[in-house]
Protein backbone atom coordinates (compact mmCIF):
# COMPACT_ATOMS: atom_id res chain seq x y z
CA UNK A 1 33.89 90.32 54.65
CA UNK A 2 36.25 91.56 51.97
CA UNK A 3 37.72 88.73 49.83
CA UNK A 4 41.32 88.69 48.65
CA UNK A 5 41.86 88.85 44.92
CA UNK A 6 42.82 85.63 43.14
CA UNK A 7 46.43 86.71 42.36
CA UNK A 8 47.05 87.66 45.96
CA UNK A 9 45.61 84.35 47.19
CA UNK A 10 47.85 82.40 44.82
CA UNK A 11 50.90 84.37 45.99
CA UNK A 12 50.19 83.56 49.65
CA UNK A 13 49.81 79.84 48.89
CA UNK A 14 53.15 79.84 47.06
CA UNK A 15 55.09 81.34 49.98
CA UNK A 16 57.05 78.82 52.05
CA UNK A 17 55.92 78.24 55.62
CA UNK A 18 57.75 80.53 58.04
CA UNK A 19 59.57 78.83 60.93
CA UNK A 20 58.14 79.25 64.40
CA UNK A 21 59.83 82.02 66.39
CA UNK A 22 62.87 80.74 68.24
CA UNK A 23 62.51 80.41 72.00
CA UNK A 24 64.54 83.08 73.82
CA UNK A 25 67.91 81.88 75.04
CA UNK A 26 67.69 81.59 78.83
CA UNK A 27 69.99 83.93 80.71
CA UNK A 28 72.33 81.87 82.83
CA UNK A 29 71.96 82.46 86.54
CA UNK A 30 74.79 84.59 87.87
CA UNK A 31 77.51 82.56 89.49
CA UNK A 32 77.45 83.03 93.27
CA UNK A 33 80.57 84.61 94.76
CA UNK A 34 83.57 82.70 95.89
CA UNK A 35 84.16 83.26 99.61
CA UNK A 36 87.54 83.71 101.25
CA UNK A 37 87.04 83.98 105.02
CA UNK A 38 90.22 84.93 106.88
CA UNK A 39 90.04 84.50 110.66
CA UNK A 40 93.08 85.57 112.65
CA UNK A 41 93.72 84.58 116.25
CA UNK A 42 93.80 87.11 119.10
CA UNK A 43 94.12 90.14 116.81
CA UNK A 44 92.89 93.32 118.39
CA UNK A 45 90.82 96.11 116.88
CA UNK A 46 93.61 98.66 117.37
CA UNK A 47 96.33 96.60 115.66
CA UNK A 48 95.43 97.68 112.10
CA UNK A 49 96.45 101.09 110.83
CA UNK A 50 93.03 101.53 109.19
CA UNK A 51 91.60 101.35 112.74
CA UNK A 52 94.05 103.89 114.08
CA UNK A 53 96.97 101.60 114.93
CA UNK A 54 100.34 103.29 114.51
CA UNK A 55 102.88 100.74 115.74
CA UNK A 56 102.87 98.64 112.57
CA UNK A 57 101.67 99.72 109.15
CA UNK A 58 99.20 97.27 107.57
CA UNK A 59 99.06 98.44 103.94
CA UNK A 60 97.44 95.31 102.50
CA UNK A 61 94.64 95.24 105.04
CA UNK A 62 94.22 98.98 104.55
CA UNK A 63 93.78 98.29 100.83
CA UNK A 64 91.09 95.75 101.66
CA UNK A 65 89.33 98.42 103.71
CA UNK A 66 89.68 100.99 100.93
CA UNK A 67 88.18 98.61 98.36
CA UNK A 68 85.41 97.36 100.62
CA UNK A 69 83.57 97.98 103.88
CA UNK A 70 85.21 98.54 107.26
CA UNK A 71 82.99 97.73 110.26
CA UNK A 72 83.76 99.76 113.37
CA UNK A 73 81.43 97.79 115.68
CA UNK A 74 82.04 94.15 114.76
CA UNK A 75 81.73 91.70 117.64
CA UNK A 76 82.74 88.14 118.43
CA UNK A 77 83.05 86.04 121.58
CA UNK A 78 86.00 86.81 123.88
CA UNK A 79 87.78 83.47 123.36
CA UNK A 80 88.65 80.99 120.61
CA UNK A 81 86.29 78.01 120.76
CA UNK A 82 83.07 80.01 121.35
CA UNK A 83 83.71 82.29 118.36
CA UNK A 84 84.50 79.42 116.01
CA UNK A 85 81.39 77.51 117.06
CA UNK A 86 79.22 80.61 116.62
CA UNK A 87 80.71 81.29 113.18
CA UNK A 88 80.04 77.81 111.83
CA UNK A 89 76.63 77.32 113.51
CA UNK A 90 75.18 80.84 113.24
CA UNK A 91 74.09 80.39 116.85
CA UNK A 92 74.81 82.10 120.14
CA UNK A 93 76.99 80.12 122.53
CA UNK A 94 74.00 79.97 124.88
CA UNK A 95 72.24 77.89 122.20
CA UNK A 96 75.07 75.78 120.76
CA UNK A 97 76.52 75.15 124.22
CA UNK A 98 80.14 75.88 123.27
CA UNK A 99 80.71 78.93 125.47
CA UNK A 100 83.96 77.60 126.98
CA UNK A 101 87.39 76.85 125.56
CA UNK A 102 88.13 73.13 125.15
CA UNK A 103 89.48 70.77 126.41
CA UNK A 104 87.64 71.01 129.72
CA UNK A 105 88.82 72.99 132.71
CA UNK A 106 86.84 74.82 135.38
CA UNK A 107 86.59 76.25 138.90
CA UNK A 108 84.50 73.66 140.77
CA UNK A 109 84.63 75.40 144.18
CA UNK A 110 83.98 79.00 143.09
CA UNK A 111 80.97 80.95 144.44
CA UNK A 112 78.96 80.68 141.20
CA UNK A 113 78.23 77.32 139.60
CA UNK A 114 79.47 77.05 136.03
CA UNK A 115 76.87 75.32 133.82
CA UNK A 116 77.94 72.28 131.82
CA UNK A 117 79.13 73.05 128.30
CA UNK A 118 79.46 71.14 125.03
CA UNK A 119 82.97 69.86 124.40
CA UNK A 120 82.62 68.65 120.79
CA UNK A 121 81.21 70.51 117.79
CA UNK A 122 78.55 68.13 116.46
CA UNK A 123 79.32 66.04 113.42
CA UNK A 124 75.64 65.48 112.72
CA UNK A 125 74.52 69.10 112.86
CA UNK A 126 74.19 71.66 110.11
CA UNK A 127 76.97 74.19 109.69
CA UNK A 128 78.20 76.86 107.30
CA UNK A 129 80.53 74.60 105.33
CA UNK A 130 77.82 71.96 104.89
CA UNK A 131 75.37 74.58 103.66
CA UNK A 132 77.80 75.95 101.07
CA UNK A 133 78.85 72.50 99.91
CA UNK A 134 75.18 71.59 99.39
CA UNK A 135 74.85 74.76 97.29
CA UNK A 136 77.58 73.53 94.93
CA UNK A 137 80.67 75.05 96.50
CA UNK A 138 84.04 73.39 96.85
CA UNK A 139 84.94 73.86 100.51
CA UNK A 140 88.24 74.02 102.36
CA UNK A 141 89.67 74.73 105.80
CA UNK A 142 93.29 75.65 106.45
CA UNK A 143 94.59 76.18 109.97
CA UNK A 144 93.21 76.31 113.46
CA UNK A 145 90.16 74.17 114.32
CA UNK A 146 89.74 74.12 118.14
CA UNK A 147 86.22 72.66 118.04
CA UNK A 148 86.83 69.01 118.86
CA UNK A 149 89.24 66.80 120.76
CA UNK A 150 90.21 63.26 119.86
CA UNK A 151 90.16 61.51 116.50
CA UNK A 152 88.45 64.26 114.48
CA UNK A 153 90.91 67.00 115.29
CA UNK A 154 92.15 69.25 118.02
CA UNK A 155 93.21 72.78 118.82
CA UNK A 156 95.69 72.87 115.95
CA UNK A 157 93.68 71.50 113.03
CA UNK A 158 90.89 69.33 111.75
CA UNK A 159 92.02 65.88 110.63
CA UNK A 160 91.84 65.55 106.80
CA UNK A 161 89.90 62.28 107.05
CA UNK A 162 87.27 64.01 109.23
CA UNK A 163 86.83 66.98 106.88
CA UNK A 164 83.79 65.62 104.96
CA UNK A 165 81.92 64.99 108.22
CA UNK A 166 82.04 68.73 108.91
CA UNK A 167 81.39 69.87 105.33
CA UNK A 168 84.97 70.35 104.09
CA UNK A 169 86.16 68.79 100.84
CA UNK A 170 89.77 69.77 101.55
CA UNK A 171 91.64 70.09 104.83
CA UNK A 172 95.10 71.63 104.60
CA UNK A 173 97.83 69.50 106.18
CA UNK A 174 99.67 70.78 109.20
CA UNK A 175 102.79 72.77 108.56
CA UNK A 176 106.36 71.89 109.51
CA UNK A 177 107.21 71.63 113.19
CA UNK A 178 104.50 73.17 115.37
CA UNK A 179 102.23 76.18 115.11
CA UNK A 180 104.24 77.82 117.90
CA UNK A 181 107.49 78.32 115.99
CA UNK A 182 108.77 80.11 112.90
CA UNK A 183 105.99 82.18 111.39
CA UNK A 184 103.26 80.01 113.01
CA UNK A 185 102.49 78.48 109.59
CA UNK A 186 101.29 81.77 108.11
CA UNK A 187 103.11 81.17 104.81
CA UNK A 188 102.22 77.47 104.74
CA UNK A 189 98.50 78.08 105.29
CA UNK A 190 98.49 80.92 102.75
CA UNK A 191 100.12 78.64 100.16
CA UNK A 192 97.63 75.86 100.89
CA UNK A 193 94.71 78.26 100.47
CA UNK A 194 96.03 79.64 97.17
CA UNK A 195 96.58 76.09 95.91
CA UNK A 196 92.99 75.16 96.74
CA UNK A 197 91.69 78.26 94.94
CA UNK A 198 93.77 77.48 91.84
CA UNK A 199 92.43 73.92 91.69
CA UNK A 200 88.78 74.99 91.99
CA UNK A 201 88.59 78.30 90.14
CA UNK A 202 86.15 76.85 87.60
CA UNK A 203 83.39 76.60 90.23
CA UNK A 204 82.30 78.53 93.35
CA UNK A 205 84.55 77.88 96.34
CA UNK A 206 84.65 78.60 100.07
CA UNK A 207 88.04 78.83 101.77
CA UNK A 208 88.12 79.18 105.55
CA UNK A 209 91.65 80.31 106.43
CA UNK A 210 92.10 80.24 110.20
CA UNK A 211 95.54 81.54 111.15
CA UNK A 212 97.27 80.74 114.46
CA UNK A 213 98.84 84.19 114.56
CA UNK A 214 98.75 86.13 116.94
CA UNK A 215 97.96 83.55 119.59
CA UNK A 216 100.71 82.81 122.11
CA UNK A 217 103.33 81.64 121.88
CA UNK A 218 103.81 84.60 119.54
CA UNK A 219 106.39 83.82 116.88
CA UNK A 220 107.49 85.53 113.65
CA UNK A 221 110.23 85.41 110.99
CA UNK A 222 113.60 86.20 112.51
CA UNK A 223 114.47 88.96 110.04
CA UNK A 224 111.30 90.88 110.84
CA UNK A 225 111.86 90.45 114.57
CA UNK A 226 115.37 91.86 114.14
CA UNK A 227 113.98 94.78 112.14
CA UNK A 228 111.58 95.80 114.92
CA UNK A 229 114.18 95.20 117.61
CA UNK A 230 116.56 97.52 115.76
CA UNK A 231 113.79 100.12 115.58
CA UNK A 232 113.55 100.12 119.38
CA UNK A 233 110.84 97.59 120.17
CA UNK A 234 111.45 95.74 123.46
CA UNK A 235 112.16 92.03 123.80
CA UNK A 236 109.11 91.49 126.01
CA UNK A 237 106.16 93.37 127.40
CA UNK A 238 103.79 95.67 125.56
CA UNK A 239 104.46 95.98 121.81
CA UNK A 240 107.50 93.73 121.83
CA UNK A 241 109.50 93.11 118.66
CA UNK A 242 108.16 89.61 117.97
CA UNK A 243 104.56 90.77 118.25
CA UNK A 244 105.10 93.68 115.86
CA UNK A 245 106.91 91.39 113.43
CA UNK A 246 104.01 88.93 113.51
CA UNK A 247 101.57 91.73 112.67
CA UNK A 248 103.67 92.84 109.72
CA UNK A 249 104.06 89.28 108.42
CA UNK A 250 100.33 88.63 108.72
CA UNK A 251 99.55 91.75 106.70
CA UNK A 252 102.02 90.65 104.01
CA UNK A 253 100.28 87.27 103.79
CA UNK A 254 96.97 89.03 103.11
CA UNK A 255 98.74 90.92 100.34
CA UNK A 256 99.83 87.60 98.83
CA UNK A 257 96.27 86.29 98.94
CA UNK A 258 94.88 89.37 97.24
CA UNK A 259 97.61 89.24 94.57
CA UNK A 260 96.89 85.54 94.10
CA UNK A 261 93.21 86.25 93.48
CA UNK A 262 94.21 88.79 90.85
CA UNK A 263 96.64 86.39 89.15
CA UNK A 264 94.01 83.65 89.04
CA UNK A 265 91.35 85.97 87.64
CA UNK A 266 89.22 85.54 90.76
CA UNK A 267 89.14 89.06 92.20
CA UNK A 268 85.85 90.27 90.74
CA UNK A 269 83.88 87.19 91.75
CA UNK A 270 85.28 86.74 95.25
CA UNK A 271 84.00 88.05 98.59
CA UNK A 272 86.87 88.46 101.04
CA UNK A 273 86.08 88.70 104.76
CA UNK A 274 88.81 89.48 107.28
CA UNK A 275 88.21 89.39 111.02
CA UNK A 276 89.57 88.00 114.31
CA UNK A 277 88.27 85.37 116.74
CA UNK A 278 88.50 87.70 119.76
CA UNK A 279 90.24 90.82 120.93
CA UNK A 280 93.98 90.91 121.26
CA UNK A 281 95.88 89.90 124.37
CA UNK A 282 96.32 93.08 126.35
CA UNK A 283 97.23 91.74 129.78
CA UNK A 284 97.00 88.17 131.01
CA UNK A 285 96.87 87.34 134.69
CA UNK A 286 96.44 83.79 135.88
CA UNK A 287 95.05 81.40 138.44
CA UNK A 288 96.71 81.94 141.85
CA UNK A 289 98.48 78.60 141.59
CA UNK A 290 100.67 80.05 138.83
CA UNK A 291 102.16 82.58 141.26
CA UNK A 292 101.89 80.55 144.48
CA UNK A 293 99.22 82.85 145.94
CA UNK A 294 96.35 81.55 148.09
CA UNK A 295 93.29 80.40 146.18
CA UNK A 296 90.80 82.29 148.35
CA UNK A 297 91.01 85.57 146.43
CA UNK A 298 92.73 87.42 149.27
CA UNK A 299 95.60 88.51 147.00
CA UNK A 300 94.92 90.53 143.81
CA UNK A 301 95.66 88.78 140.54
CA UNK A 302 99.21 89.23 139.31
CA UNK A 303 100.25 90.22 135.78
CA UNK A 304 101.59 87.21 133.91
CA UNK A 305 101.95 88.54 130.36
CA UNK A 306 101.61 91.81 128.44
CA UNK A 307 101.36 91.86 124.65
CA UNK A 308 99.60 94.82 122.98
CA UNK A 309 97.71 97.72 124.51
CA UNK A 310 94.17 97.65 123.09
CA UNK A 311 93.51 101.38 123.70
CA UNK A 312 91.22 103.14 123.06
CA UNK A 313 89.27 99.99 123.93
CA UNK A 314 89.29 98.61 127.47
CA UNK A 315 91.10 95.38 128.37
CA UNK A 316 91.49 92.57 125.87
CA UNK A 317 90.99 88.89 125.14
CA UNK A 318 88.83 86.90 127.53
CA UNK A 319 87.02 89.90 129.01
CA UNK A 320 83.48 91.21 128.40
CA UNK A 321 84.87 94.69 127.73
CA UNK A 322 85.19 96.10 124.22
CA UNK A 323 88.84 95.10 123.95
CA UNK A 324 87.81 91.48 124.37
CA UNK A 325 84.84 91.30 122.02
CA UNK A 326 85.17 94.13 119.45
CA UNK A 327 87.43 93.17 116.53
CA UNK A 328 88.55 94.43 113.13
CA UNK A 329 86.26 93.37 110.28
CA UNK A 330 86.78 94.14 106.59
CA UNK A 331 84.70 92.93 103.64
CA UNK A 332 85.56 93.32 99.96
CA UNK A 333 82.95 92.10 97.47
CA UNK A 334 83.37 93.79 94.06
CA UNK A 335 80.11 95.05 92.63
CA UNK A 336 78.25 94.60 95.92
CA UNK A 337 80.15 95.95 98.94
CA UNK A 338 80.41 99.72 98.77
CA UNK A 339 84.08 100.60 98.33
CA UNK A 340 85.50 102.77 101.08
CA UNK A 341 82.37 102.60 103.22
CA UNK A 342 82.75 102.72 106.99
CA UNK A 343 79.80 101.09 108.75
CA UNK A 344 79.00 101.67 112.41
CA UNK A 345 76.23 99.05 112.34
CA UNK A 346 76.77 96.67 115.28
CA UNK A 347 77.28 93.17 113.89
CA UNK A 348 77.94 89.81 115.57
CA UNK A 349 79.85 86.68 114.55
CA UNK A 350 76.54 84.78 114.45
CA UNK A 351 75.59 86.91 111.42
CA UNK A 352 78.11 85.37 109.05
CA UNK A 353 76.32 82.05 108.48
CA UNK A 354 73.05 83.63 107.23
CA UNK A 355 74.98 86.29 105.28
CA UNK A 356 77.26 83.89 103.42
CA UNK A 357 74.49 81.40 102.74
CA UNK A 358 72.29 84.18 101.34
CA UNK A 359 75.16 85.35 99.13
CA UNK A 360 75.39 81.78 97.83
CA UNK A 361 71.66 81.71 97.10
CA UNK A 362 70.73 79.29 99.86
CA UNK A 363 69.74 79.17 103.52
CA UNK A 364 69.89 76.96 106.58
CA UNK A 365 67.38 74.10 106.74
CA UNK A 366 64.16 74.73 108.64
CA UNK A 367 65.23 72.59 111.59
CA UNK A 368 68.37 74.62 112.30
CA UNK A 369 67.84 77.72 114.44
CA UNK A 370 69.82 80.70 113.17
CA UNK A 371 70.37 83.54 115.63
CA UNK A 372 72.15 85.89 113.23
CA UNK A 373 70.86 88.13 110.44
CA UNK A 374 71.82 88.81 106.82
CA UNK A 375 74.38 91.62 106.73
CA UNK A 376 74.15 92.36 103.01
CA UNK A 377 72.21 95.63 103.49
CA UNK A 378 75.10 96.97 105.58
CA UNK A 379 77.57 96.00 102.86
CA UNK A 380 75.83 98.26 100.36
CA UNK A 381 75.75 101.22 102.73
CA UNK A 382 72.31 100.58 104.21
CA UNK A 383 71.14 99.94 107.74
CA UNK A 384 70.24 96.78 109.63
CA UNK A 385 67.11 96.09 111.68
CA UNK A 386 67.32 97.40 115.23
CA UNK A 387 68.16 94.59 117.63
CA UNK A 388 70.02 93.84 120.84
CA UNK A 389 73.30 91.93 120.78
CA UNK A 390 73.97 89.34 123.47
CA UNK A 391 76.83 87.38 125.01
CA UNK A 392 76.58 84.40 127.38
CA UNK A 393 79.81 84.04 129.39
CA UNK A 394 79.03 81.92 132.50
CA UNK A 395 82.61 80.91 133.27
CA UNK A 396 85.60 81.57 135.48
CA UNK A 397 88.91 82.13 133.73
CA UNK A 398 91.42 83.90 135.91
CA UNK A 399 93.81 84.38 132.97
CA UNK A 400 91.48 87.18 131.91
CA UNK A 401 90.00 88.07 135.32
CA UNK A 402 86.74 86.61 134.04
CA UNK A 403 83.87 85.55 136.31
CA UNK A 404 80.40 84.32 135.23
CA UNK A 405 78.58 87.11 133.42
CA UNK A 406 76.40 88.00 130.46
CA UNK A 407 76.31 91.08 128.25
CA UNK A 408 73.72 92.96 126.25
CA UNK A 409 74.18 95.90 123.90
CA UNK A 410 71.09 97.95 122.97
CA UNK A 411 71.87 100.83 120.66
CA UNK A 412 74.73 102.73 122.26
CA UNK A 413 74.15 101.24 125.72
CA UNK A 414 75.98 98.19 127.02
CA UNK A 415 75.25 96.28 130.22
CA UNK A 416 77.53 93.69 131.83
CA UNK A 417 75.92 91.59 134.55
CA UNK A 418 78.28 89.71 136.88
CA UNK A 419 76.13 86.98 138.42
CA UNK A 420 77.91 86.52 141.74
CA UNK A 421 81.39 88.05 141.88
CA UNK A 422 83.91 90.04 139.87
CA UNK A 423 87.29 91.75 140.00
CA UNK A 424 87.81 95.46 140.55
CA UNK A 425 90.02 97.55 138.29
CA UNK A 426 92.96 96.91 140.64
CA UNK A 427 92.35 93.14 140.23
CA UNK A 428 91.18 92.70 143.81
CA UNK A 429 88.35 90.25 144.35
CA UNK A 430 84.86 91.67 144.75
CA UNK A 431 82.07 89.30 145.95
CA UNK A 432 78.42 89.82 145.05
CA UNK A 433 76.28 90.42 141.99
CA UNK A 434 77.19 93.55 140.08
CA UNK A 435 75.91 95.52 137.09
CA UNK A 436 78.10 97.71 134.88
CA UNK A 437 76.50 100.14 132.41
CA UNK A 438 78.34 102.06 129.69
CA UNK A 439 77.36 104.49 126.94
CA UNK A 440 79.64 103.42 124.12
CA UNK A 441 79.02 106.36 121.80
CA UNK A 442 80.52 108.76 124.32
CA UNK A 443 82.75 106.32 126.23
CA UNK A 444 84.15 103.59 123.99
CA UNK A 445 86.88 102.97 126.57
CA UNK A 446 84.25 102.05 129.21
CA UNK A 447 85.75 104.36 131.81
CA UNK A 448 82.48 105.62 133.37
CA UNK A 449 80.17 103.02 134.89
CA UNK A 450 76.69 104.59 134.85
CA UNK A 451 74.76 101.78 136.56
CA UNK A 452 74.41 103.76 139.80
CA UNK A 453 73.43 106.95 137.95
CA UNK A 454 70.82 105.19 135.79
CA UNK A 455 69.44 102.35 137.92
CA UNK A 456 66.17 102.08 135.99
CA UNK A 457 67.95 101.60 132.68
CA UNK A 458 70.34 99.08 134.22
CA UNK A 459 67.48 97.12 135.78
CA UNK A 460 65.50 97.09 132.53
CA UNK A 461 68.48 95.86 130.51
CA UNK A 462 69.23 93.21 133.13
CA UNK A 463 65.63 91.98 132.91
CA UNK A 464 65.91 91.86 129.12
CA UNK A 465 69.15 89.91 129.38
CA UNK A 466 67.59 87.36 131.75
CA UNK A 467 64.57 87.01 129.46
CA UNK A 468 66.88 86.31 126.50
CA UNK A 469 68.80 83.62 128.42
CA UNK A 470 65.58 81.92 129.51
CA UNK A 471 64.18 82.06 125.96
CA UNK A 472 67.14 80.20 124.44
CA UNK A 473 66.76 78.33 126.91
CA UNK A 474 70.01 78.37 128.88
CA UNK A 475 70.91 78.32 132.55
CA UNK A 476 71.21 81.56 134.47
CA UNK A 477 74.23 80.95 136.71
CA UNK A 478 73.45 80.87 140.42
CA UNK A 479 75.12 80.06 143.73
CA UNK A 480 77.35 77.01 143.76
CA UNK A 481 76.25 74.66 146.59
CA UNK A 482 79.77 73.19 146.55
CA UNK A 483 81.54 76.54 146.99
CA UNK A 484 84.61 76.45 149.21
CA UNK A 485 86.11 79.83 150.08
CA UNK A 486 89.51 78.34 150.89
CA UNK A 487 89.91 77.09 147.32
CA UNK A 488 87.63 79.56 145.58
CA UNK A 489 89.99 79.99 142.62
CA UNK A 490 91.50 76.53 142.39
CA UNK A 491 91.29 75.69 138.71
CA UNK A 492 90.95 72.01 137.88
CA UNK A 493 90.95 69.80 134.81
CA UNK A 494 89.25 67.03 136.80
CA UNK A 495 85.47 67.14 136.58
CA UNK A 496 83.44 66.97 139.75
CA UNK A 497 79.97 65.37 139.69
CA UNK A 498 78.28 68.79 139.50
CA UNK A 499 80.37 69.82 136.47
CA UNK A 500 78.90 67.19 134.14
């Protein structure tokens, strides 16, 4: 081996010891997005101008669509409580048991037996807010609750003292008066949400803003009502002045939220989701007792209220048709959601829990069944796994001409199965099981029932629907042994022994 010369060896000994290389500075984990989830009440798909609505311009919501993703085939449950339970649990109503509006009412003597349903969202269970809070988020709810009755909260709001039991650090106080007057607390709830964001902008936050607008009694600022009345809108009936004013005011409140995010420096790190809890009120009918008609179904249901025509979709709130379950849905997430993208991927309200938890870098615990899927691929312009969408609607509600049914959508095909009776298009009563089959790609208005023309497809989809219900497991509604034709449609708030 070659030896170093003496001078070179002396030079090396004289050199000071070199410090060890510094460890690389760890890259901080990216901060998960803030989440602003705006849920309106009874707002139909066709009420936004970015969905083709022309009666009221919605420039702020259109901006949200331009800067994010607009879903054309976003689905929820057809009424309030079931959608809210599905959103927070990530579970179908057949699994979480909250497929009926609370507090309890039913049709104990109707031909089909209504299964028992859960009347309180569980304190002890896992939910979206709890999952985000465990992941380090500050969490808040402002507005409509409608998941419990009694001490914890009611239709109008969650009680502040009960907030932590359901995963919420902050519960906005109720507004002045009631939610059925003035602007239905739109400005108050918007202010409360912006205040929460300002107080927690140094950490990830989740704000669940659940407006009461456009649920009846529809109310709006007087100056906007006067504006639409002067423009020719009627006092009552379809597209009345108060309804149009409420739409305009709601859009302006979204504009205030978006401006507030900008002013607080929160825009780039905030995911904004805007959707509705069910389709808009098109036409409401009512139990026969409301009009003094016999309860045996011998007289067709009578129109009780008209609000907003949901065309091109069929019907509206409370029904299994597209106008009852298809809603507007916009998502802005800077740097992730593809700006200006229009997605026709069918999505369901049960998908939001896994999506938002994944965005936060977490997931539901192993013991909590999640029925939804992560929607993030659709937000970037990709596709979602092929799957069927399901609805479990085993109830009578004559306000919406609803009888016990279930729904499945497979690709472009949609099947509605009425388990024992239904109403015809003229609102006359029709006894007996019935299947309806529609091809949504060519008939989004569900005008052509193809069940008779394609019996094999209808039968196969019905079998798949039954298999899904049994797998949950949930009850497939059958004949009511206590049926009484003379009071078939007598609605009651008094439980009978078989309703428990």
